[in-house]
Amino acid sequence: MISYLEFEKPVAALEARIAELRETAKAGDVDLTAEIRRLEVKSADLLASTYAALTPWQKTQVARHPMRPHFCDYSSSIFTDFMPLGGDRYFGDDQAIIGGFAKLGSEENARRVMLIGHEKGNDTQSRIKHNFGMGKPEGYRKAIRLMELAGRFGLPVVTLVDTSGAFPGVEAEERGQAEAIARSTEACLALGVPMVAVIVGEGGSGGAVALASAERVLMLEHSVYAVISPEGCASILWRTSEKAADAAEAMKVTAQDLLGLGVIDRIVKEPVGGAHRDPDLAGRALAAAIGEELDALSKLSPDQLRAKREERFLRIGEG
């Protein structure tokens, strides 16, 4: 059952009508095939045209869609033999950031990787368990430990970023949130193995950068990436979150804007209507893109990889 966003209401109305006609056709002897087909084409065209002209605020809503695939969906669909590794060896095991050994690709061509990412959860219970994807210091310290482990074993690192930001609670600050984020960012930049980061939903603030300081940064087509949420920006600039749509427009949060600015390197196409409408197709496109990037990066030496990272981040903002 698809959950429709506000701007999708015309599509929702058409799809509801199609469902009604199908039920009517089942219950009676009336042949409604032609009418159903006509409405299906109309619905598909409307969905395509709607998603081809999304505003930055609408893309933000899609990136936050409750049915959008998260880390656990991808780790079980496009990766195999995922072996989660827990704990930061200092305080505890943060469930907002998950990571471990995994394989990418078909069995005969499987590539071993270190997979790390944010998990938001997909229902009330799992969202509470994973703290809505907002990592605490122990989560970022776990990520550092796993990146160092990947470097030791010569495994490429793949990160799936999907967070509104690092957890801002008092206990997180008491345990050194800022320091943990800074050290995680430093660990990314110091890696001597290939690293590919993908913004699969929201990429919010330092909580996202801490896992996305890679030499290749990708974004799913309808993801967003920014230093602050549109609501947060609007609250600062206009003293009201009602200006969130204006803030999203001004902040250039979309993949298309960020590709033009050189903040990201590649956009991964999503199924028409967003990744939540066809998670399997979205996953296959993501797997293919990650595989292509790792193939290209595997030819570089550790020093070349570090230099490539340094160059891409120093280049942002030039001109």
Protein backbone atom coordinates (compact mmCIF):
# COMPACT_ATOMS: atom_id res chain seq x y z
CA MET A 1 0.00 0.00 0.00
CA ILE A 2 1.63 3.24 -1.20
CA SER A 3 1.63 6.20 1.17
CA TYR A 4 0.99 9.32 -0.90
CA LEU A 5 2.58 12.70 -0.32
CA GLU A 6 0.57 15.92 -0.51
CA PHE A 7 1.66 16.78 -4.05
CA GLU A 8 0.78 13.24 -5.22
CA LYS A 9 -2.96 13.61 -4.50
CA PRO A 10 -3.99 13.74 -8.20
CA VAL A 11 -2.08 10.49 -8.78
CA ALA A 12 -3.66 8.98 -5.67
CA ALA A 13 -7.13 9.83 -6.96
CA LEU A 14 -6.47 8.15 -10.29
CA GLU A 15 -4.98 5.03 -8.72
CA ALA A 16 -7.93 4.80 -6.32
CA ARG A 17 -10.30 4.95 -9.30
CA ILE A 18 -8.33 2.19 -11.05
CA ALA A 19 -8.59 0.02 -7.93
CA GLU A 20 -12.36 0.60 -7.80
CA LEU A 21 -12.79 -0.40 -11.45
CA ARG A 22 -10.78 -3.56 -10.91
CA GLU A 23 -13.02 -4.52 -7.99
CA THR A 24 -16.11 -3.79 -10.07
CA ALA A 25 -14.78 -5.93 -12.93
CA LYS A 26 -14.15 -8.82 -10.55
CA ALA A 27 -17.62 -8.60 -9.02
CA GLY A 28 -19.59 -8.40 -12.28
CA ASP A 29 -19.60 -9.38 -15.92
CA VAL A 30 -18.67 -5.92 -17.22
CA ASP A 31 -15.48 -5.71 -19.28
CA LEU A 32 -13.61 -2.64 -18.02
CA THR A 33 -10.22 -3.57 -19.43
CA ALA A 34 -10.04 -0.67 -21.89
CA GLU A 35 -11.04 1.94 -19.29
CA ILE A 36 -8.63 0.55 -16.73
CA ARG A 37 -5.83 0.58 -19.29
CA ARG A 38 -6.63 4.19 -20.26
CA LEU A 39 -6.50 5.31 -16.62
CA GLU A 40 -3.29 3.38 -16.00
CA VAL A 41 -1.59 5.19 -18.87
CA LYS A 42 -2.95 8.51 -17.63
CA SER A 43 -1.75 7.78 -14.08
CA ALA A 44 1.72 6.74 -15.26
CA ASP A 45 2.04 9.89 -17.40
CA LEU A 46 0.90 12.11 -14.52
CA LEU A 47 3.33 10.44 -12.11
CA ALA A 48 6.21 10.87 -14.55
CA SER A 49 5.42 14.53 -15.23
CA THR A 50 5.00 15.25 -11.52
CA TYR A 51 8.36 13.73 -10.59
CA ALA A 52 10.11 15.38 -13.52
CA ALA A 53 9.27 18.80 -12.08
CA LEU A 54 9.68 18.37 -8.32
CA THR A 55 10.64 21.43 -6.31
CA PRO A 56 13.49 21.17 -3.76
CA TRP A 57 10.93 21.02 -0.93
CA GLN A 58 9.03 18.23 -2.65
CA LYS A 59 12.28 16.32 -3.13
CA THR A 60 12.92 16.75 0.59
CA GLN A 61 9.54 15.15 1.27
CA VAL A 62 10.38 12.24 -1.05
CA ALA A 63 13.76 11.79 0.65
CA ARG A 64 11.91 11.49 3.97
CA HIS A 65 9.15 9.21 2.68
CA PRO A 66 8.32 6.62 5.39
CA MET A 67 8.45 3.79 2.84
CA ARG A 68 11.76 4.83 1.28
CA PRO A 69 14.38 2.03 1.44
CA HIS A 70 16.93 2.40 4.23
CA PHE A 71 20.27 0.79 5.10
CA CYS A 72 18.81 -2.54 6.22
CA ASP A 73 16.77 -2.82 3.02
CA TYR A 74 19.84 -2.33 0.85
CA SER A 75 22.13 -4.49 3.00
CA SER A 76 19.75 -7.41 2.51
CA SER A 77 18.89 -6.85 -1.16
CA ILE A 78 21.98 -5.70 -3.06
CA PHE A 79 24.63 -6.97 -0.64
CA THR A 80 25.13 -10.55 0.52
CA ASP A 81 26.74 -12.18 3.55
CA PHE A 82 26.38 -9.00 5.59
CA MET A 83 28.03 -9.55 8.97
CA PRO A 84 27.28 -6.65 11.35
CA LEU A 85 30.00 -5.68 13.78
CA GLY A 86 28.87 -3.90 16.94
CA GLY A 87 30.32 -1.55 19.49
CA ASP A 88 32.87 1.24 19.59
CA ARG A 89 35.05 -0.45 22.26
CA TYR A 90 34.57 2.63 24.47
CA PHE A 91 30.95 3.05 25.49
CA GLY A 92 28.40 0.92 23.66
CA ASP A 93 26.72 -0.06 20.40
CA ASP A 94 24.77 2.68 18.62
CA GLN A 95 21.93 1.30 16.49
CA ALA A 96 21.57 4.45 14.37
CA ILE A 97 24.82 3.62 12.58
CA ILE A 98 25.30 0.02 11.44
CA GLY A 99 28.28 -1.54 9.74
CA GLY A 100 30.09 -4.73 8.96
CA PHE A 101 31.59 -6.99 6.31
CA ALA A 102 29.52 -7.62 3.17
CA LYS A 103 29.78 -8.71 -0.45
CA LEU A 104 28.64 -6.67 -3.44
CA GLY A 105 27.79 -8.26 -6.77
CA SER A 106 26.92 -11.72 -8.06
CA GLU A 107 28.42 -14.74 -6.34
CA GLU A 108 31.01 -15.38 -9.07
CA ASN A 109 32.06 -11.70 -9.13
CA ALA A 110 31.37 -10.74 -5.51
CA ARG A 111 33.52 -7.98 -4.09
CA ARG A 112 34.17 -7.88 -0.35
CA VAL A 113 33.52 -4.47 1.19
CA MET A 114 33.09 -2.77 4.54
CA LEU A 115 29.51 -1.51 4.54
CA ILE A 116 28.54 1.30 6.93
CA GLY A 117 25.46 3.48 7.09
CA HIS A 118 22.58 5.12 8.92
CA GLU A 119 19.39 3.20 9.63
CA LYS A 120 16.19 5.15 10.36
CA GLY A 121 13.81 2.22 10.86
CA ASN A 122 10.50 1.60 9.07
CA ASP A 123 7.92 1.51 11.87
CA THR A 124 7.51 3.08 15.31
CA GLN A 125 9.37 0.35 17.17
CA SER A 126 12.33 0.16 14.79
CA ARG A 127 12.57 3.96 14.53
CA ILE A 128 12.90 4.24 18.27
CA LYS A 129 15.45 1.41 18.30
CA HIS A 130 17.54 3.13 15.62
CA ASN A 131 16.96 6.63 17.05
CA PHE A 132 15.53 7.78 13.69
CA GLY A 133 19.00 7.44 12.13
CA MET A 134 20.54 10.11 14.36
CA GLY A 135 23.95 8.78 15.38
CA LYS A 136 25.50 9.25 18.80
CA PRO A 137 29.25 9.50 19.50
CA GLU A 138 29.55 5.74 19.93
CA GLY A 139 28.05 5.30 16.46
CA TYR A 140 30.67 7.48 14.82
CA ARG A 141 33.43 5.84 16.87
CA LYS A 142 32.14 2.47 15.68
CA ALA A 143 32.37 3.77 12.10
CA ILE A 144 35.97 4.84 12.73
CA ARG A 145 36.80 1.38 14.09
CA LEU A 146 35.27 -0.30 11.04
CA MET A 147 37.06 2.02 8.60
CA GLU A 148 40.37 1.29 10.28
CA LEU A 149 39.56 -2.42 10.08
CA ALA A 150 38.81 -2.07 6.38
CA GLY A 151 42.15 -0.35 5.86
CA ARG A 152 43.94 -3.14 7.68
CA PHE A 153 42.38 -5.83 5.47
CA GLY A 154 42.48 -3.83 2.24
CA LEU A 155 38.68 -3.71 1.84
CA PRO A 156 36.93 -0.84 0.04
CA VAL A 157 34.46 1.12 2.17
CA VAL A 158 30.88 1.79 1.07
CA THR A 159 28.72 4.13 3.15
CA LEU A 160 24.96 4.68 2.81
CA VAL A 161 24.07 8.05 4.29
CA ASP A 162 20.53 8.72 5.48
CA THR A 163 20.18 10.99 8.51
CA SER A 164 18.59 14.29 9.42
CA GLY A 165 21.73 14.94 11.49
CA ALA A 166 23.70 13.63 14.43
CA PHE A 167 21.77 13.23 17.69
CA PRO A 168 21.72 16.62 19.50
CA GLY A 169 20.89 15.35 22.99
CA VAL A 170 22.75 16.34 26.16
CA GLU A 171 24.13 12.84 26.69
CA ALA A 172 25.64 12.85 23.19
CA GLU A 173 27.37 16.16 23.85
CA GLU A 174 28.62 14.85 27.19
CA ARG A 175 30.24 11.90 25.39
CA GLY A 176 31.97 14.11 22.81
CA GLN A 177 29.66 14.30 19.80
CA ALA A 178 31.60 17.01 17.95
CA GLU A 179 34.93 15.28 18.51
CA ALA A 180 33.54 11.93 17.33
CA ILE A 181 32.14 13.49 14.14
CA ALA A 182 35.42 15.29 13.44
CA ARG A 183 37.45 12.11 13.94
CA SER A 184 35.10 10.11 11.73
CA THR A 185 35.52 12.69 8.97
CA GLU A 186 39.29 12.52 9.47
CA ALA A 187 39.18 8.71 9.28
CA CYS A 188 37.38 8.91 5.93
CA LEU A 189 39.99 11.28 4.51
CA ALA A 190 42.90 9.16 5.79
CA LEU A 191 41.72 5.86 4.33
CA GLY A 192 44.19 4.05 2.10
CA VAL A 193 41.43 2.01 0.43
CA PRO A 194 38.71 3.09 -2.02
CA MET A 195 35.66 4.74 -0.46
CA VAL A 196 32.31 5.40 -2.10
CA ALA A 197 29.59 7.28 -0.20
CA VAL A 198 25.96 7.39 -1.31
CA ILE A 199 23.29 9.76 -0.02
CA VAL A 200 20.26 7.45 -0.20
CA GLY A 201 17.76 9.69 1.61
CA GLU A 202 18.57 12.68 3.79
CA GLY A 203 22.13 13.89 4.14
CA GLY A 204 21.95 16.21 7.10
CA SER A 205 24.76 18.30 8.59
CA GLY A 206 27.97 16.91 10.09
CA GLY A 207 26.19 13.68 10.89
CA ALA A 208 26.18 12.97 7.15
CA VAL A 209 29.60 14.43 6.31
CA ALA A 210 31.20 12.15 8.92
CA LEU A 211 30.36 9.16 6.69
CA ALA A 212 30.47 10.91 3.32
CA SER A 213 33.99 12.36 3.07
CA ALA A 214 34.88 9.96 0.27
CA GLU A 215 36.67 10.38 -3.04
CA ARG A 216 33.39 9.55 -4.82
CA VAL A 217 30.10 10.87 -3.46
CA LEU A 218 26.89 9.72 -5.12
CA MET A 219 23.25 10.68 -4.54
CA LEU A 220 20.02 8.96 -5.39
CA GLU A 221 17.98 11.17 -7.71
CA HIS A 222 15.47 12.36 -5.12
CA SER A 223 17.77 12.57 -2.09
CA VAL A 224 18.81 15.81 -0.39
CA TYR A 225 22.10 16.91 1.18
CA ALA A 226 22.57 20.06 3.25
CA VAL A 227 24.29 21.61 6.27
CA ILE A 228 20.92 22.03 8.02
CA SER A 229 17.32 20.99 7.41
CA PRO A 230 15.10 23.42 5.46
CA GLU A 231 12.95 23.85 8.60
CA GLY A 232 16.02 24.65 10.69
CA CYS A 233 17.29 27.15 8.14
CA ALA A 234 13.86 28.83 7.93
CA SER A 235 13.64 29.06 11.71
CA ILE A 236 16.99 30.88 11.80
CA LEU A 237 16.45 33.22 8.84
CA TRP A 238 12.72 33.93 9.02
CA ARG A 239 11.93 32.85 12.60
CA THR A 240 9.33 30.39 11.27
CA SER A 241 9.53 26.86 9.88
CA GLU A 242 6.67 27.72 7.50
CA LYS A 243 9.29 29.13 5.14
CA ALA A 244 10.92 25.68 4.76
CA ALA A 245 10.07 25.49 1.05
CA ASP A 246 11.81 28.83 0.43
CA ALA A 247 14.81 27.67 2.45
CA ALA A 248 15.08 24.42 0.48
CA GLU A 249 15.08 26.41 -2.77
CA ALA A 250 17.79 28.81 -1.55
CA MET A 251 20.00 26.13 0.01
CA LYS A 252 20.44 24.07 -3.20
CA VAL A 253 19.76 20.78 -1.43
CA THR A 254 18.93 18.59 -4.45
CA ALA A 255 21.22 16.15 -6.21
CA GLN A 256 20.90 18.13 -9.44
CA ASP A 257 22.02 21.38 -7.79
CA LEU A 258 24.86 19.72 -5.90
CA LEU A 259 26.19 17.96 -8.99
CA GLY A 260 26.43 21.35 -10.69
CA LEU A 261 28.25 22.79 -7.68
CA GLY A 262 30.74 19.91 -7.59
CA VAL A 263 29.67 18.77 -4.11
CA ILE A 264 28.73 15.32 -5.43
CA ASP A 265 30.09 13.32 -8.36
CA ARG A 266 27.16 11.32 -9.71
CA ILE A 267 23.38 11.00 -9.59
CA VAL A 268 21.85 7.51 -9.47
CA LYS A 269 18.46 7.39 -11.21
CA GLU A 270 15.44 6.25 -9.21
CA PRO A 271 12.33 4.48 -10.50
CA VAL A 272 9.57 6.85 -11.63
CA GLY A 273 7.79 7.94 -8.46
CA GLY A 274 10.80 7.46 -6.19
CA ALA A 275 12.77 4.54 -4.76
CA HIS A 276 9.87 3.58 -2.48
CA ARG A 277 7.71 2.62 -5.47
CA ASP A 278 10.17 -0.02 -6.68
CA PRO A 279 12.89 -0.74 -4.09
CA ASP A 280 14.30 -3.66 -6.09
CA LEU A 281 14.86 -1.57 -9.21
CA ALA A 282 16.34 1.24 -7.11
CA GLY A 283 18.65 -1.26 -5.43
CA ARG A 284 19.89 -2.69 -8.71
CA ALA A 285 20.69 0.78 -10.05
CA LEU A 286 22.53 1.62 -6.82
CA ALA A 287 24.52 -1.63 -6.87
CA ALA A 288 25.57 -1.07 -10.48
CA ALA A 289 26.72 2.50 -9.76
CA ILE A 290 28.71 1.50 -6.67
CA GLY A 291 30.34 -1.38 -8.57
CA GLU A 292 31.39 0.91 -11.42
CA GLU A 293 32.91 3.44 -9.03
CA LEU A 294 34.83 0.77 -7.10
CA ASP A 295 36.14 -0.71 -10.36
CA ALA A 296 37.60 2.68 -11.32
CA LEU A 297 39.03 3.38 -7.85
CA SER A 298 40.63 -0.05 -7.49
CA LYS A 299 43.32 1.01 -9.94
CA LEU A 300 44.60 3.77 -7.62
CA SER A 301 47.27 3.46 -4.93
CA PRO A 302 46.63 4.50 -1.30
CA ASP A 303 48.49 7.78 -1.84
CA GLN A 304 46.53 8.50 -5.00
CA LEU A 305 43.23 7.83 -3.20
CA ARG A 306 44.10 10.23 -0.38
CA ALA A 307 45.23 12.87 -2.88
CA LYS A 308 42.00 12.43 -4.85
CA ARG A 309 39.92 13.00 -1.71
CA GLU A 310 41.93 16.05 -0.71
CA GLU A 311 41.63 17.50 -4.20
CA ARG A 312 37.85 17.02 -4.49
CA PHE A 313 37.09 18.68 -1.16
CA LEU A 314 39.50 21.58 -1.66
CA ARG A 315 37.98 22.16 -5.10
CA ILE A 316 34.45 22.67 -3.74
CA GLY A 317 33.55 26.35 -3.79
CA GLU A 318 36.21 27.42 -6.26
CA GLY A 319 35.14 30.02 -8.77
